[in-house]
N, C-alpha and C. Protein backbone atom coordinates (compact mmCIF):
# COMPACT_ATOMS: atom_id res chain seq x y z
N UNK A 1 83.65 -0.62 28.76
CA UNK A 1 82.69 0.16 28.00
C UNK A 1 83.18 1.60 27.79
N UNK A 2 83.86 2.15 28.78
CA UNK A 2 84.36 3.52 28.62
C UNK A 2 85.37 3.59 27.49
N UNK A 3 86.18 2.57 27.37
CA UNK A 3 87.18 2.55 26.31
C UNK A 3 86.50 2.54 24.94
N UNK A 4 85.48 1.75 24.78
CA UNK A 4 84.77 1.69 23.50
C UNK A 4 84.08 3.02 23.18
N UNK A 5 83.53 3.67 24.19
CA UNK A 5 82.87 4.95 23.94
C UNK A 5 83.89 6.02 23.57
N UNK A 6 85.07 5.99 24.19
CA UNK A 6 86.13 6.95 23.84
C UNK A 6 86.62 6.71 22.41
N UNK A 7 86.77 5.46 22.04
CA UNK A 7 87.20 5.13 20.67
C UNK A 7 86.15 5.61 19.68
N UNK A 8 84.88 5.40 19.99
CA UNK A 8 83.80 5.83 19.11
C UNK A 8 83.78 7.36 18.98
N UNK A 9 83.97 8.07 20.08
CA UNK A 9 84.01 9.53 20.03
C UNK A 9 85.17 10.02 19.15
N UNK A 10 86.33 9.38 19.29
CA UNK A 10 87.49 9.78 18.48
C UNK A 10 87.26 9.51 17.00
N UNK A 11 86.66 8.39 16.69
CA UNK A 11 86.37 8.06 15.29
C UNK A 11 85.37 9.06 14.72
N UNK A 12 84.37 9.44 15.51
CA UNK A 12 83.39 10.42 15.03
C UNK A 12 84.05 11.78 14.79
N UNK A 13 84.96 12.19 15.64
CA UNK A 13 85.66 13.46 15.45
C UNK A 13 86.52 13.43 14.19
N UNK A 14 87.23 12.34 13.98
CA UNK A 14 88.07 12.21 12.78
C UNK A 14 87.20 12.24 11.54
N UNK A 15 86.08 11.52 11.56
CA UNK A 15 85.19 11.47 10.41
C UNK A 15 84.59 12.85 10.13
N UNK A 16 84.21 13.57 11.18
CA UNK A 16 83.64 14.91 11.02
C UNK A 16 84.67 15.84 10.38
N UNK A 17 85.93 15.73 10.79
CA UNK A 17 86.97 16.58 10.22
C UNK A 17 87.28 16.20 8.78
N UNK A 18 87.24 14.92 8.46
CA UNK A 18 87.44 14.49 7.07
C UNK A 18 86.33 15.04 6.19
N UNK A 19 85.09 14.95 6.67
CA UNK A 19 83.98 15.50 5.88
C UNK A 19 84.11 17.00 5.70
N UNK A 20 84.59 17.70 6.71
CA UNK A 20 84.75 19.14 6.61
C UNK A 20 85.83 19.50 5.59
N UNK A 21 86.90 18.73 5.55
CA UNK A 21 87.98 19.00 4.60
C UNK A 21 87.50 18.82 3.16
N UNK A 22 86.74 17.76 2.90
CA UNK A 22 86.36 17.44 1.53
C UNK A 22 84.98 17.94 1.12
N UNK A 23 84.31 18.70 1.97
CA UNK A 23 83.02 19.27 1.62
C UNK A 23 83.23 20.61 0.91
N UNK A 24 82.21 21.09 0.20
CA UNK A 24 82.35 22.40 -0.45
C UNK A 24 82.54 23.50 0.60
N UNK A 25 83.20 24.59 0.23
CA UNK A 25 83.44 25.66 1.21
C UNK A 25 82.13 26.27 1.68
N UNK A 26 82.09 26.64 2.95
CA UNK A 26 80.88 27.23 3.51
C UNK A 26 81.05 28.72 3.80
N UNK A 27 82.16 29.29 3.35
CA UNK A 27 82.34 30.72 3.57
C UNK A 27 81.52 31.48 2.54
N UNK A 28 80.90 32.55 2.97
CA UNK A 28 80.03 33.33 2.11
C UNK A 28 80.54 34.77 2.05
N UNK A 29 81.79 34.92 1.63
CA UNK A 29 82.38 36.23 1.53
C UNK A 29 81.94 36.90 0.24
N UNK A 30 81.70 38.21 0.27
CA UNK A 30 81.31 38.89 -0.98
C UNK A 30 82.47 38.95 -1.96
N UNK A 31 82.15 38.89 -3.22
CA UNK A 31 83.17 39.03 -4.26
C UNK A 31 83.37 40.53 -4.49
N UNK A 32 84.41 41.08 -3.89
CA UNK A 32 84.59 42.54 -3.90
C UNK A 32 85.41 43.03 -5.08
N UNK A 33 86.34 42.25 -5.55
CA UNK A 33 87.18 42.70 -6.65
C UNK A 33 88.22 43.69 -6.18
N UNK A 34 88.71 44.52 -7.10
CA UNK A 34 89.75 45.50 -6.80
C UNK A 34 89.12 46.70 -6.11
N UNK A 35 89.72 47.14 -5.01
CA UNK A 35 89.22 48.29 -4.27
C UNK A 35 90.13 49.49 -4.55
N UNK A 36 89.55 50.65 -4.82
CA UNK A 36 90.39 51.84 -5.05
C UNK A 36 91.03 52.32 -3.76
N UNK A 37 92.21 52.91 -3.89
CA UNK A 37 92.91 53.46 -2.74
C UNK A 37 92.32 54.82 -2.41
N UNK A 38 91.84 55.01 -1.18
CA UNK A 38 91.22 56.26 -0.80
C UNK A 38 92.02 56.99 0.27
N UNK A 39 93.24 56.58 0.51
CA UNK A 39 94.06 57.23 1.54
C UNK A 39 94.81 58.42 1.00
N UNK A 40 95.66 58.96 1.82
CA UNK A 40 96.47 60.10 1.43
C UNK A 40 97.80 59.64 0.88
N UNK A 41 98.29 60.34 -0.13
CA UNK A 41 99.58 60.03 -0.71
C UNK A 41 100.69 60.55 0.19
N UNK A 42 101.81 59.86 0.21
CA UNK A 42 102.94 60.30 1.05
C UNK A 42 103.89 61.22 0.29
N UNK A 43 103.60 61.52 -0.96
CA UNK A 43 104.47 62.40 -1.74
C UNK A 43 104.40 63.82 -1.19
N UNK A 44 105.53 64.45 -1.03
CA UNK A 44 105.60 65.81 -0.55
C UNK A 44 105.60 65.92 0.96
N UNK A 45 105.45 64.83 1.66
CA UNK A 45 105.47 64.84 3.13
C UNK A 45 106.80 64.28 3.60
N UNK A 46 107.30 64.83 4.70
CA UNK A 46 108.54 64.33 5.26
C UNK A 46 108.25 63.11 6.13
N UNK A 47 109.07 62.09 5.94
CA UNK A 47 108.92 60.90 6.78
C UNK A 47 109.61 61.13 8.10
N UNK A 48 108.99 60.72 9.16
CA UNK A 48 109.58 60.89 10.50
C UNK A 48 110.44 59.73 10.88
């Protein structure tokens, strides 16, 4: 019986991963687009 339960657990894990691969994405990242550069320019500074 333990062998059958282990096989069933493995099949369920494989099936869950297959469903995750082929399901629509669940990430909800904002669509940010191009971000302006707000740092300092390195022109005129000596590199160390």
